[in-house]
């Protein structure tokens, strides 16, 4: 049989609208207020386990804020300096900061505060439990600390079924179960695989079945399964 290219497209740009909130609706509402200035919080720290969407929310907030005219500064990537209240500092994965980065982050946070800007940071742990220098940990602890939770099994399944309907097909529960048991659990990867399955089905004019799904997943990694060991 002719091998068709899989063309696994990258997931869509993260937005607050395409984030599946599960139990994190309050965090999303807080970020909307942070972006448009309608909220009272200007210093926010998101914390939660892998798969809870920390980076998705930071990237979504950054892109929306930038479109609304804010100066968005990704710590460690950008060179802009705080000038006024339109400045937004983003620090992702604060738990990974090395000693030199911790010192630089502390100084930039203080500059941002003096300029009247806002801060959005994230990490795997509650701020007070981060293994960072005391002064930086204190800065993060002074933020509104919002916990994020990963989607439950039922929420993830429902999100996949909803995305399938948006692509124009109904996904059999057996297919959802097969995908959930063998693919990485982060929603960006699951959604990208779902799109690839849809394109392969259309290319081959074959219905969505477990054998077809297995073929797609084999093509993605050139091995029987992509389930993490």
N, C-alpha and C. Protein backbone atom coordinates (compact mmCIF):
# COMPACT_ATOMS: atom_id res chain seq x y z
N UNK A 1 0.84 -1.20 0.00
CA UNK A 1 0.00 0.00 0.00
C UNK A 1 0.88 1.24 0.00
N UNK A 2 0.50 2.24 -0.75
CA UNK A 2 1.28 3.48 -0.83
C UNK A 2 1.27 4.17 0.53
N UNK A 3 2.46 4.62 0.93
CA UNK A 3 2.59 5.32 2.21
C UNK A 3 2.23 6.79 2.01
N UNK A 4 1.20 7.25 2.66
CA UNK A 4 0.79 8.64 2.54
C UNK A 4 1.44 9.46 3.64
N UNK A 5 1.85 10.69 3.33
CA UNK A 5 2.43 11.52 4.39
C UNK A 5 1.39 11.81 5.46
N UNK A 6 1.85 11.80 6.70
CA UNK A 6 0.91 12.02 7.80
C UNK A 6 0.59 13.50 7.97
N UNK A 7 1.62 14.34 7.80
CA UNK A 7 1.41 15.79 7.94
C UNK A 7 0.77 16.12 9.29
N UNK A 8 1.46 15.77 10.35
CA UNK A 8 0.96 16.12 11.67
C UNK A 8 1.13 17.62 11.87
N UNK A 9 0.05 18.34 11.72
CA UNK A 9 0.12 19.80 11.82
C UNK A 9 0.35 20.19 13.28
N UNK A 10 1.04 21.30 13.48
CA UNK A 10 1.19 21.75 14.85
C UNK A 10 -0.16 22.13 15.42
N UNK A 11 -0.33 22.03 16.73
CA UNK A 11 -1.60 22.44 17.32
C UNK A 11 -1.84 23.91 17.08
N UNK A 12 -3.10 24.35 17.09
CA UNK A 12 -3.38 25.76 16.87
C UNK A 12 -2.74 26.63 17.94
N UNK A 13 -2.56 27.89 17.61
CA UNK A 13 -1.98 28.83 18.56
C UNK A 13 -2.78 28.81 19.86
N UNK A 14 -2.10 28.72 20.99
CA UNK A 14 -2.83 28.71 22.26
C UNK A 14 -3.62 30.01 22.46
N UNK A 15 -4.86 29.86 22.82
CA UNK A 15 -5.69 31.01 23.18
C UNK A 15 -6.44 30.66 24.46
N UNK A 16 -7.03 31.66 25.06
CA UNK A 16 -7.85 31.38 26.24
C UNK A 16 -9.13 30.67 25.85
N UNK A 17 -9.56 30.85 24.60
CA UNK A 17 -10.78 30.20 24.15
C UNK A 17 -10.58 28.72 23.85
N UNK A 18 -9.38 28.33 23.34
CA UNK A 18 -9.19 26.91 23.03
C UNK A 18 -8.52 26.15 24.17
N UNK A 19 -8.33 26.80 25.30
CA UNK A 19 -7.88 26.10 26.51
C UNK A 19 -9.07 25.37 27.11
N UNK A 20 -8.90 24.09 27.39
CA UNK A 20 -9.97 23.31 28.01
C UNK A 20 -9.84 23.49 29.52
N UNK A 21 -10.72 24.27 30.15
CA UNK A 21 -10.46 24.69 31.53
C UNK A 21 -10.64 23.61 32.59
N UNK A 22 -11.60 22.70 32.39
CA UNK A 22 -11.85 21.74 33.46
C UNK A 22 -12.15 22.49 34.75
N UNK A 23 -11.34 22.24 35.76
CA UNK A 23 -11.54 22.93 37.04
C UNK A 23 -10.79 24.23 37.16
N UNK A 24 -10.28 24.78 36.04
CA UNK A 24 -9.44 25.97 36.09
C UNK A 24 -10.13 27.22 35.54
N UNK A 25 -11.45 27.23 35.56
CA UNK A 25 -12.19 28.37 35.00
C UNK A 25 -11.86 29.67 35.71
N UNK A 26 -11.66 29.63 37.02
CA UNK A 26 -11.35 30.85 37.77
C UNK A 26 -10.02 31.45 37.31
N UNK A 27 -9.05 30.59 37.02
CA UNK A 27 -7.75 31.08 36.55
C UNK A 27 -7.89 31.76 35.20
N UNK A 28 -8.67 31.17 34.32
CA UNK A 28 -8.88 31.77 32.99
C UNK A 28 -9.55 33.14 33.14
N UNK A 29 -10.54 33.24 34.01
CA UNK A 29 -11.23 34.52 34.22
C UNK A 29 -10.26 35.56 34.78
N UNK A 30 -9.38 35.15 35.67
CA UNK A 30 -8.39 36.07 36.23
C UNK A 30 -7.46 36.59 35.15
N UNK A 31 -7.04 35.72 34.24
CA UNK A 31 -6.14 36.13 33.18
C UNK A 31 -6.83 37.09 32.20
N UNK A 32 -8.09 36.88 31.94
CA UNK A 32 -8.82 37.82 31.07
C UNK A 32 -8.82 39.21 31.72
N UNK A 33 -9.03 39.25 33.02
CA UNK A 33 -9.01 40.53 33.72
C UNK A 33 -7.63 41.15 33.75
N UNK A 34 -6.60 40.31 33.82
CA UNK A 34 -5.22 40.80 33.80
C UNK A 34 -4.91 41.46 32.46
N UNK A 35 -5.39 40.84 31.38
CA UNK A 35 -5.11 41.35 30.04
C UNK A 35 -5.79 42.68 29.77
N UNK A 36 -7.09 42.76 30.08
CA UNK A 36 -7.82 43.98 29.72
C UNK A 36 -7.87 45.03 30.83
N UNK A 37 -7.26 44.68 31.96
CA UNK A 37 -7.20 45.65 33.05
C UNK A 37 -8.44 45.73 33.89
N UNK A 38 -9.42 44.86 33.63
CA UNK A 38 -10.67 44.91 34.38
C UNK A 38 -10.56 44.21 35.74
N UNK A 39 -9.54 43.38 35.90
CA UNK A 39 -9.37 42.64 37.15
C UNK A 39 -8.53 43.42 38.15
N UNK A 40 -8.63 43.02 39.38
CA UNK A 40 -7.86 43.71 40.43
C UNK A 40 -6.45 43.14 40.55
N UNK A 41 -6.23 41.95 40.03
CA UNK A 41 -4.93 41.30 40.17
C UNK A 41 -3.98 41.69 39.04
N UNK A 42 -2.78 42.12 39.41
CA UNK A 42 -1.75 42.45 38.43
C UNK A 42 -0.50 41.59 38.61
N UNK A 43 -0.50 40.77 39.62
CA UNK A 43 0.63 39.88 39.90
C UNK A 43 0.06 38.48 40.12
N UNK A 44 0.28 37.60 39.16
CA UNK A 44 -0.36 36.28 39.19
C UNK A 44 0.71 35.20 38.99
N UNK A 45 0.61 34.17 39.80
CA UNK A 45 1.50 33.02 39.68
C UNK A 45 0.64 31.76 39.57
N UNK A 46 0.78 31.05 38.45
CA UNK A 46 0.05 29.80 38.22
C UNK A 46 0.92 28.61 38.58
N UNK A 47 0.35 27.68 39.30
CA UNK A 47 1.15 26.50 39.63
C UNK A 47 0.31 25.23 39.50
N UNK A 48 0.97 24.17 39.05
CA UNK A 48 0.27 22.92 38.87
C UNK A 48 1.16 21.90 38.19
N UNK A 49 0.67 20.67 38.06
CA UNK A 49 1.48 19.58 37.52
C UNK A 49 1.59 19.67 36.00
N UNK A 50 2.51 18.90 35.42
CA UNK A 50 2.56 18.82 33.95
C UNK A 50 1.20 18.41 33.40
N UNK A 51 0.81 19.01 32.30
CA UNK A 51 -0.48 18.69 31.70
C UNK A 51 -1.62 19.57 32.17
N UNK A 52 -1.33 20.47 33.11
CA UNK A 52 -2.39 21.36 33.59
C UNK A 52 -2.55 22.60 32.73
N UNK A 53 -1.63 22.83 31.80
CA UNK A 53 -1.78 23.93 30.85
C UNK A 53 -1.13 25.23 31.25
N UNK A 54 -0.11 25.17 32.10
CA UNK A 54 0.55 26.42 32.53
C UNK A 54 1.10 27.19 31.33
N UNK A 55 1.90 26.51 30.51
CA UNK A 55 2.53 27.20 29.37
C UNK A 55 1.49 27.66 28.36
N UNK A 56 0.45 26.86 28.15
CA UNK A 56 -0.63 27.25 27.24
C UNK A 56 -1.21 28.59 27.70
N UNK A 57 -1.49 28.71 28.98
CA UNK A 57 -2.12 29.92 29.48
C UNK A 57 -1.19 31.12 29.40
N UNK A 58 0.10 30.92 29.65
CA UNK A 58 1.03 32.04 29.52
C UNK A 58 1.14 32.49 28.07
N UNK A 59 1.25 31.53 27.15
CA UNK A 59 1.35 31.89 25.73
C UNK A 59 0.06 32.56 25.23
N UNK A 60 -1.07 32.05 25.68
CA UNK A 60 -2.35 32.64 25.28
C UNK A 60 -2.48 34.07 25.81
N UNK A 61 -2.08 34.27 27.06
CA UNK A 61 -2.14 35.61 27.64
C UNK A 61 -1.19 36.55 26.91
N UNK A 62 0.00 36.08 26.60
CA UNK A 62 1.00 36.91 25.93
C UNK A 62 0.51 37.36 24.56
N UNK A 63 -0.02 36.43 23.77
CA UNK A 63 -0.45 36.78 22.41
C UNK A 63 -1.63 37.75 22.43
N UNK A 64 -2.57 37.51 23.34
CA UNK A 64 -3.73 38.40 23.43
C UNK A 64 -3.32 39.78 23.92
N UNK A 65 -2.46 39.83 24.94
CA UNK A 65 -2.01 41.11 25.48
C UNK A 65 -1.23 41.90 24.43
N UNK A 66 -0.41 41.20 23.65
CA UNK A 66 0.37 41.87 22.61
C UNK A 66 -0.54 42.49 21.55
N UNK A 67 -1.59 41.75 21.18
CA UNK A 67 -2.53 42.28 20.19
C UNK A 67 -3.27 43.50 20.72
N UNK A 68 -3.39 43.58 22.04
CA UNK A 68 -4.09 44.73 22.64
C UNK A 68 -3.14 45.88 22.97
N UNK A 69 -1.90 45.78 22.48
CA UNK A 69 -0.98 46.91 22.61
C UNK A 69 -0.06 46.89 23.81
N UNK A 70 -0.08 45.81 24.56
CA UNK A 70 0.85 45.72 25.69
C UNK A 70 2.26 45.39 25.20
N UNK A 71 3.26 45.79 25.98
CA UNK A 71 4.63 45.37 25.75
C UNK A 71 4.84 44.08 26.52
N UNK A 72 4.94 42.98 25.80
CA UNK A 72 5.05 41.66 26.43
C UNK A 72 6.52 41.25 26.45
N UNK A 73 7.00 40.91 27.61
CA UNK A 73 8.40 40.50 27.78
C UNK A 73 8.45 39.09 28.32
N UNK A 74 8.97 38.16 27.49
CA UNK A 74 9.22 36.80 27.95
C UNK A 74 10.60 36.77 28.60
N UNK A 75 10.63 36.47 29.87
CA UNK A 75 11.91 36.46 30.57
C UNK A 75 12.86 35.45 29.93
N UNK A 76 14.08 35.89 29.67
CA UNK A 76 15.08 35.03 29.07
C UNK A 76 15.09 35.05 27.56
N UNK A 77 14.10 35.72 26.95
CA UNK A 77 14.02 35.75 25.49
C UNK A 77 14.02 37.16 24.93
N UNK A 78 13.39 38.10 25.63
CA UNK A 78 13.20 39.44 25.09
C UNK A 78 14.15 40.44 25.77
N UNK A 79 14.33 41.57 25.08
CA UNK A 79 15.26 42.59 25.58
C UNK A 79 14.56 43.84 26.08
N UNK A 80 13.25 43.92 25.92
CA UNK A 80 12.54 45.13 26.35
C UNK A 80 12.64 45.31 27.86
N UNK A 81 12.58 46.56 28.29
CA UNK A 81 12.65 46.87 29.72
C UNK A 81 11.35 47.55 30.16
N UNK A 82 10.98 47.41 31.41
CA UNK A 82 9.74 48.03 31.90
C UNK A 82 9.77 49.54 31.74
N UNK A 83 8.69 50.07 31.19
CA UNK A 83 8.61 51.52 31.01
C UNK A 83 7.35 52.11 31.64
N UNK A 84 6.23 51.36 31.57
CA UNK A 84 4.98 51.90 32.10
C UNK A 84 4.05 50.74 32.45
N UNK A 85 2.79 51.08 32.73
CA UNK A 85 1.82 50.08 33.18
C UNK A 85 1.41 49.11 32.07
N UNK A 86 1.78 49.38 30.82
CA UNK A 86 1.45 48.48 29.72
C UNK A 86 2.43 47.32 29.63
N UNK A 87 3.45 47.32 30.44
CA UNK A 87 4.47 46.27 30.40
C UNK A 87 3.97 45.02 31.11
N UNK A 88 4.13 43.87 30.44
CA UNK A 88 3.75 42.60 31.04
C UNK A 88 4.94 41.65 31.02
N UNK A 89 5.37 41.23 32.18
CA UNK A 89 6.49 40.31 32.32
C UNK A 89 5.96 38.89 32.50
N UNK A 90 6.47 37.95 31.69
CA UNK A 90 6.07 36.55 31.79
C UNK A 90 7.29 35.68 32.11
N UNK A 91 7.14 34.85 33.13
CA UNK A 91 8.20 33.94 33.54
C UNK A 91 7.60 32.54 33.62
N UNK A 92 7.94 31.70 32.67
CA UNK A 92 7.42 30.33 32.65
C UNK A 92 8.40 29.40 33.35
N UNK A 93 7.86 28.34 33.97
CA UNK A 93 8.69 27.32 34.62
C UNK A 93 9.69 27.95 35.59
N UNK A 94 9.18 28.71 36.53
CA UNK A 94 10.05 29.39 37.49
C UNK A 94 10.90 28.39 38.29
N UNK A 95 10.41 27.18 38.44
CA UNK A 95 11.15 26.18 39.20
C UNK A 95 12.44 25.76 38.51
N UNK A 96 12.59 26.11 37.23
CA UNK A 96 13.79 25.73 36.47
C UNK A 96 14.87 26.81 36.46
N UNK A 97 14.62 27.95 37.05
CA UNK A 97 15.58 29.05 36.99
C UNK A 97 16.87 28.70 37.72
N UNK A 98 18.01 28.88 37.03
CA UNK A 98 19.30 28.64 37.67
C UNK A 98 19.68 29.88 38.48
N UNK A 99 20.76 29.83 39.27
CA UNK A 99 21.10 30.97 40.15
C UNK A 99 21.24 32.29 39.41
N UNK A 100 21.89 32.30 38.24
CA UNK A 100 22.05 33.55 37.50
C UNK A 100 20.70 34.07 37.03
N UNK A 101 19.84 33.17 36.54
CA UNK A 101 18.52 33.57 36.07
C UNK A 101 17.66 34.07 37.23
N UNK A 102 17.81 33.48 38.39
CA UNK A 102 17.05 33.92 39.55
C UNK A 102 17.39 35.37 39.91
N UNK A 103 18.67 35.69 39.85
CA UNK A 103 19.08 37.07 40.16
C UNK A 103 18.52 38.04 39.13
N UNK A 104 18.60 37.66 37.85
CA UNK A 104 18.09 38.53 36.79
C UNK A 104 16.57 38.68 36.90
N UNK A 105 15.88 37.59 37.22
CA UNK A 105 14.43 37.64 37.35
C UNK A 105 14.01 38.54 38.51
N UNK A 106 14.71 38.44 39.61
CA UNK A 106 14.39 39.28 40.77
C UNK A 106 14.52 40.76 40.42
N UNK A 107 15.61 41.12 39.73
CA UNK A 107 15.81 42.52 39.36
C UNK A 107 14.72 43.00 38.39
N UNK A 108 14.37 42.16 37.41
CA UNK A 108 13.37 42.57 36.42
C UNK A 108 11.98 42.67 37.05
N UNK A 109 11.67 41.79 37.97
CA UNK A 109 10.39 41.88 38.68
C UNK A 109 10.31 43.19 39.44
N UNK A 110 11.39 43.59 40.10
CA UNK A 110 11.39 44.85 40.83
C UNK A 110 11.23 46.04 39.89
N UNK A 111 11.90 46.00 38.73
CA UNK A 111 11.74 47.07 37.74
C UNK A 111 10.30 47.14 37.24
N UNK A 112 9.71 45.97 37.02
CA UNK A 112 8.33 45.92 36.55
C UNK A 112 7.37 46.53 37.56
N UNK A 113 7.62 46.22 38.82
CA UNK A 113 6.77 46.78 39.88
C UNK A 113 6.88 48.29 39.93
N UNK A 114 8.10 48.81 39.85
CA UNK A 114 8.30 50.26 39.90
C UNK A 114 7.65 50.96 38.72
N UNK A 115 7.61 50.28 37.57
CA UNK A 115 7.01 50.87 36.37
C UNK A 115 5.50 50.76 36.36
N UNK A 116 4.95 49.99 37.29
CA UNK A 116 3.50 49.81 37.33
C UNK A 116 3.00 48.73 36.41
N UNK A 117 3.91 47.88 35.89
CA UNK A 117 3.52 46.80 35.00
C UNK A 117 2.94 45.62 35.75
N UNK A 118 2.73 44.53 35.03
CA UNK A 118 2.16 43.35 35.66
C UNK A 118 3.04 42.13 35.40
N UNK A 119 2.84 41.11 36.20
CA UNK A 119 3.64 39.90 36.16
C UNK A 119 2.74 38.68 36.08
N UNK A 120 3.08 37.76 35.17
CA UNK A 120 2.43 36.46 35.12
C UNK A 120 3.53 35.42 35.08
N UNK A 121 3.56 34.56 36.09
CA UNK A 121 4.60 33.54 36.19
C UNK A 121 3.95 32.19 36.43
N UNK A 122 4.77 31.14 36.27
CA UNK A 122 4.24 29.80 36.49
C UNK A 122 5.33 28.89 37.04
N UNK A 123 4.89 27.83 37.68
CA UNK A 123 5.82 26.83 38.20
C UNK A 123 5.05 25.59 38.61
N UNK A 124 5.79 24.55 38.95
CA UNK A 124 5.14 23.29 39.30
C UNK A 124 4.63 23.27 40.74
N UNK A 125 5.15 24.16 41.58
CA UNK A 125 4.79 24.12 43.00
C UNK A 125 4.25 25.46 43.45
N UNK A 126 3.55 25.43 44.56
CA UNK A 126 3.15 26.65 45.24
C UNK A 126 4.40 27.51 45.45
N UNK A 127 4.27 28.82 45.29
CA UNK A 127 5.44 29.69 45.30
C UNK A 127 6.29 29.52 46.55
N UNK A 128 5.67 29.38 47.69
CA UNK A 128 6.44 29.29 48.92
C UNK A 128 7.26 28.01 49.01
N UNK A 129 6.96 27.03 48.15
CA UNK A 129 7.67 25.76 48.17
C UNK A 129 8.73 25.64 47.07
N UNK A 130 8.91 26.71 46.30
CA UNK A 130 9.90 26.66 45.23
C UNK A 130 11.32 26.66 45.80
N UNK A 131 12.20 25.91 45.18
CA UNK A 131 13.60 25.85 45.60
C UNK A 131 14.36 26.99 44.92
N UNK A 132 14.06 28.22 45.35
CA UNK A 132 14.68 29.41 44.79
C UNK A 132 15.28 30.25 45.91
N UNK A 133 16.06 31.26 45.53
CA UNK A 133 16.59 32.18 46.55
C UNK A 133 15.41 32.85 47.26
N UNK A 134 15.62 33.18 48.52
CA UNK A 134 14.52 33.64 49.37
C UNK A 134 13.80 34.86 48.82
N UNK A 135 14.56 35.85 48.31
CA UNK A 135 13.91 37.08 47.87
C UNK A 135 13.03 36.85 46.65
N UNK A 136 13.48 35.99 45.73
CA UNK A 136 12.66 35.71 44.54
C UNK A 136 11.44 34.88 44.92
N UNK A 137 11.64 33.90 45.77
CA UNK A 137 10.49 33.09 46.22
C UNK A 137 9.45 33.98 46.90
N UNK A 138 9.90 34.96 47.65
CA UNK A 138 8.98 35.89 48.30
C UNK A 138 8.20 36.70 47.28
N UNK A 139 8.87 37.14 46.21
CA UNK A 139 8.18 37.89 45.16
C UNK A 139 7.05 37.06 44.55
N UNK A 140 7.33 35.80 44.25
CA UNK A 140 6.30 34.94 43.67
C UNK A 140 5.18 34.67 44.69
N UNK A 141 5.56 34.55 45.95
CA UNK A 141 4.55 34.31 46.98
C UNK A 141 3.64 35.52 47.17
N UNK A 142 4.12 36.71 46.82
CA UNK A 142 3.30 37.92 46.94
C UNK A 142 2.28 38.03 45.82
N UNK A 143 2.45 37.23 44.78
CA UNK A 143 1.46 37.19 43.70
C UNK A 143 0.21 36.43 44.16
N UNK A 144 -0.85 36.61 43.41
CA UNK A 144 -2.00 35.73 43.59
C UNK A 144 -1.60 34.35 43.09
N UNK A 145 -1.52 33.37 43.98
CA UNK A 145 -1.13 32.01 43.61
C UNK A 145 -2.38 31.22 43.24
N UNK A 146 -2.48 30.85 41.97
CA UNK A 146 -3.65 30.12 41.49
C UNK A 146 -3.26 28.69 41.12
N UNK A 147 -3.85 27.69 41.78
CA UNK A 147 -3.53 26.31 41.44
C UNK A 147 -4.25 25.87 40.17
N UNK A 148 -3.56 25.09 39.34
CA UNK A 148 -4.15 24.50 38.15
C UNK A 148 -4.17 22.99 38.31
N UNK A 149 -5.22 22.37 37.81
CA UNK A 149 -5.32 20.92 37.85
C UNK A 149 -5.39 20.38 36.43
N UNK A 150 -4.78 19.22 36.22
CA UNK A 150 -4.88 18.56 34.92
C UNK A 150 -6.31 18.07 34.72
N UNK A 151 -6.69 17.92 33.47
CA UNK A 151 -8.04 17.43 33.18
C UNK A 151 -8.21 16.01 33.72
N UNK A 152 -9.39 15.73 34.21
CA UNK A 152 -9.71 14.37 34.61
C UNK A 152 -9.87 13.51 33.36
N UNK A 153 -9.92 12.22 33.53
CA UNK A 153 -10.12 11.31 32.40
C UNK A 153 -11.39 11.67 31.64
N UNK A 154 -12.46 11.90 32.38
CA UNK A 154 -13.74 12.21 31.72
C UNK A 154 -13.69 13.54 30.99
N UNK A 155 -13.02 14.54 31.59
CA UNK A 155 -12.91 15.85 30.95
C UNK A 155 -12.08 15.76 29.67
N UNK A 156 -10.99 14.99 29.71
CA UNK A 156 -10.15 14.83 28.52
C UNK A 156 -10.92 14.12 27.41
N UNK A 157 -11.65 13.08 27.77
CA UNK A 157 -12.46 12.37 26.76
C UNK A 157 -13.50 13.30 26.15
N UNK A 158 -14.15 14.07 26.99
CA UNK A 158 -15.17 14.99 26.50
C UNK A 158 -14.56 16.04 25.56
N UNK A 159 -13.34 16.50 25.89
CA UNK A 159 -12.68 17.48 25.04
C UNK A 159 -12.35 16.89 23.68
N UNK A 160 -11.90 15.64 23.64
CA UNK A 160 -11.60 14.98 22.37
C UNK A 160 -12.87 14.80 21.55
N UNK A 161 -13.92 14.39 22.19
CA UNK A 161 -15.19 14.19 21.46
C UNK A 161 -15.72 15.51 20.91
N UNK A 162 -15.56 16.59 21.69
CA UNK A 162 -16.00 17.90 21.22
C UNK A 162 -15.16 18.35 20.02
N UNK A 163 -13.84 18.14 20.10
CA UNK A 163 -12.98 18.52 18.99
C UNK A 163 -13.29 17.71 17.74
N UNK A 164 -13.58 16.42 17.92
CA UNK A 164 -13.95 15.58 16.78
C UNK A 164 -15.21 16.12 16.11
N UNK A 165 -16.18 16.50 16.89
CA UNK A 165 -17.42 17.04 16.31
C UNK A 165 -17.14 18.33 15.54
N UNK A 166 -16.20 19.14 16.07
CA UNK A 166 -15.88 20.39 15.37
C UNK A 166 -15.19 20.12 14.04
N UNK A 167 -14.53 18.94 13.92
CA UNK A 167 -13.90 18.54 12.66
C UNK A 167 -14.89 17.87 11.71
N UNK A 168 -16.09 17.60 12.23
CA UNK A 168 -17.12 17.06 11.36
C UNK A 168 -17.36 15.58 11.46
N UNK A 169 -16.90 14.94 12.53
CA UNK A 169 -17.15 13.51 12.68
C UNK A 169 -17.40 13.17 14.14
N UNK A 170 -18.06 12.06 14.35
CA UNK A 170 -18.30 11.56 15.70
C UNK A 170 -17.24 10.50 16.00
N UNK A 171 -16.62 10.59 17.16
CA UNK A 171 -15.55 9.67 17.52
C UNK A 171 -16.10 8.59 18.44
N UNK A 172 -15.98 7.35 18.00
CA UNK A 172 -16.46 6.23 18.79
C UNK A 172 -15.73 6.18 20.13
N UNK A 173 -16.42 5.89 21.22
CA UNK A 173 -15.76 5.83 22.53
C UNK A 173 -14.57 4.88 22.57
N UNK A 174 -14.62 3.79 21.78
CA UNK A 174 -13.50 2.85 21.75
C UNK A 174 -12.24 3.51 21.18
N UNK A 175 -12.42 4.40 20.20
CA UNK A 175 -11.28 5.12 19.63
C UNK A 175 -10.70 6.10 20.64
N UNK A 176 -11.59 6.78 21.37
CA UNK A 176 -11.12 7.70 22.40
C UNK A 176 -10.31 6.95 23.44
N UNK A 177 -10.80 5.80 23.85
CA UNK A 177 -10.11 5.00 24.86
C UNK A 177 -8.75 4.54 24.35
N UNK A 178 -8.70 4.11 23.09
CA UNK A 178 -7.44 3.65 22.51
C UNK A 178 -6.42 4.79 22.47
N UNK A 179 -6.87 5.96 22.05
CA UNK A 179 -5.98 7.11 21.97
C UNK A 179 -5.50 7.53 23.36
N UNK A 180 -6.42 7.58 24.30
CA UNK A 180 -6.06 8.00 25.66
C UNK A 180 -5.07 7.05 26.33
N UNK A 181 -5.15 5.77 25.98
CA UNK A 181 -4.30 4.79 26.64
C UNK A 181 -2.92 4.66 26.02
N UNK A 182 -2.71 5.28 24.84
CA UNK A 182 -1.44 5.09 24.14
C UNK A 182 -0.70 6.36 23.77
N UNK A 183 -1.36 7.49 23.86
CA UNK A 183 -0.73 8.76 23.49
C UNK A 183 -0.35 9.55 24.73
N UNK A 184 0.60 10.48 24.59
CA UNK A 184 0.89 11.39 25.70
C UNK A 184 -0.39 12.11 26.12
N UNK A 185 -0.49 12.41 27.40
CA UNK A 185 -1.76 12.91 27.92
C UNK A 185 -1.95 14.42 27.78
N UNK A 186 -0.95 15.17 27.33
CA UNK A 186 -1.19 16.60 27.21
C UNK A 186 -2.14 16.87 26.06
N UNK A 187 -3.05 17.84 26.26
CA UNK A 187 -4.12 18.05 25.30
C UNK A 187 -3.62 18.56 23.96
N UNK A 188 -2.52 19.32 23.93
CA UNK A 188 -2.01 19.80 22.65
C UNK A 188 -1.63 18.64 21.75
N UNK A 189 -0.95 17.63 22.32
CA UNK A 189 -0.55 16.46 21.54
C UNK A 189 -1.78 15.66 21.11
N UNK A 190 -2.71 15.45 22.02
CA UNK A 190 -3.91 14.69 21.69
C UNK A 190 -4.71 15.36 20.58
N UNK A 191 -4.82 16.68 20.63
CA UNK A 191 -5.58 17.39 19.60
C UNK A 191 -4.86 17.32 18.25
N UNK A 192 -3.52 17.40 18.27
CA UNK A 192 -2.77 17.32 17.03
C UNK A 192 -2.92 15.94 16.40
N UNK A 193 -2.89 14.89 17.23
CA UNK A 193 -3.07 13.54 16.72
C UNK A 193 -4.47 13.37 16.15
N UNK A 194 -5.44 13.94 16.82
CA UNK A 194 -6.82 13.85 16.34
C UNK A 194 -6.95 14.46 14.95
N UNK A 195 -6.32 15.60 14.75
CA UNK A 195 -6.35 16.22 13.43
C UNK A 195 -5.67 15.36 12.38
N UNK A 196 -4.56 14.70 12.76
CA UNK A 196 -3.86 13.83 11.82
C UNK A 196 -4.72 12.62 11.44
N UNK A 197 -5.43 12.07 12.41
CA UNK A 197 -6.32 10.94 12.14
C UNK A 197 -7.40 11.35 11.14
N UNK A 198 -7.95 12.51 11.35
CA UNK A 198 -9.00 12.99 10.45
C UNK A 198 -8.47 13.14 9.03
N UNK A 199 -7.29 13.74 8.89
CA UNK A 199 -6.73 13.93 7.55
C UNK A 199 -6.40 12.59 6.88
N UNK A 200 -5.88 11.63 7.64
CA UNK A 200 -5.57 10.33 7.06
C UNK A 200 -6.85 9.62 6.61
N UNK A 201 -7.88 9.71 7.41
CA UNK A 201 -9.15 9.08 7.05
C UNK A 201 -9.69 9.65 5.74
N UNK A 202 -9.61 10.98 5.61
CA UNK A 202 -10.10 11.62 4.40
C UNK A 202 -9.23 11.27 3.20
N UNK A 203 -7.92 11.19 3.40
CA UNK A 203 -7.02 10.89 2.29
C UNK A 203 -7.23 9.48 1.75
N UNK A 204 -7.47 8.53 2.66
CA UNK A 204 -7.63 7.14 2.26
C UNK A 204 -9.08 6.75 2.00
N UNK A 205 -10.00 7.66 2.30
CA UNK A 205 -11.43 7.34 2.17
C UNK A 205 -11.78 6.10 3.00
N UNK A 206 -11.22 6.08 4.20
CA UNK A 206 -11.48 4.97 5.12
C UNK A 206 -12.16 5.50 6.37
N UNK A 207 -13.04 4.70 6.95
CA UNK A 207 -13.68 5.14 8.19
C UNK A 207 -12.68 5.15 9.34
N UNK A 208 -13.01 5.89 10.35
CA UNK A 208 -12.16 5.95 11.53
C UNK A 208 -12.35 4.68 12.35
N UNK A 209 -11.33 3.85 12.34
CA UNK A 209 -11.36 2.59 13.08
C UNK A 209 -10.08 2.47 13.89
N UNK A 210 -10.05 1.53 14.81
CA UNK A 210 -8.83 1.32 15.59
C UNK A 210 -7.65 0.91 14.70
N UNK A 211 -7.82 0.03 13.70
CA UNK A 211 -6.67 -0.27 12.82
C UNK A 211 -6.11 0.97 12.13
N UNK A 212 -6.99 1.88 11.68
CA UNK A 212 -6.50 3.10 11.05
C UNK A 212 -5.79 3.98 12.08
N UNK A 213 -6.37 4.08 13.25
CA UNK A 213 -5.75 4.87 14.31
C UNK A 213 -4.39 4.31 14.66
N UNK A 214 -4.27 2.97 14.71
CA UNK A 214 -2.99 2.34 15.01
C UNK A 214 -1.96 2.68 13.94
N UNK A 215 -2.37 2.66 12.68
CA UNK A 215 -1.45 3.01 11.59
C UNK A 215 -0.93 4.43 11.74
N UNK A 216 -1.84 5.34 12.04
CA UNK A 216 -1.46 6.74 12.19
C UNK A 216 -0.45 6.89 13.32
N UNK A 217 -0.72 6.27 14.44
CA UNK A 217 0.17 6.42 15.59
C UNK A 217 1.52 5.74 15.35
N UNK A 218 1.53 4.66 14.59
CA UNK A 218 2.79 4.04 14.23
C UNK A 218 3.61 4.97 13.34
N UNK A 219 2.95 5.64 12.41
CA UNK A 219 3.65 6.57 11.53
C UNK A 219 4.24 7.75 12.31
N UNK A 220 3.58 8.13 13.38
CA UNK A 220 4.05 9.28 14.15
C UNK A 220 5.38 9.01 14.82
N UNK A 221 5.60 7.80 15.24
CA UNK A 221 6.81 7.50 16.01
C UNK A 221 7.65 6.39 15.43
N UNK A 222 7.20 5.79 14.32
CA UNK A 222 7.92 4.69 13.67
C UNK A 222 8.17 3.52 14.62
N UNK A 223 7.21 3.30 15.51
CA UNK A 223 7.25 2.15 16.40
C UNK A 223 5.82 1.79 16.76
N UNK A 224 5.57 0.60 17.35
CA UNK A 224 4.19 0.14 17.52
C UNK A 224 3.28 1.09 18.26
N UNK A 225 3.74 1.69 19.35
CA UNK A 225 2.88 2.57 20.13
C UNK A 225 3.66 3.81 20.50
N UNK A 226 2.95 4.87 20.89
CA UNK A 226 3.62 6.05 21.40
C UNK A 226 3.34 6.22 22.88
N UNK A 227 2.87 5.15 23.47
CA UNK A 227 2.63 5.20 24.92
C UNK A 227 3.96 5.31 25.64
N UNK A 228 4.04 6.24 26.56
CA UNK A 228 5.28 6.43 27.30
C UNK A 228 5.56 5.21 28.17
N UNK A 229 6.83 4.85 28.24
CA UNK A 229 7.20 3.69 29.06
C UNK A 229 7.36 4.11 30.52
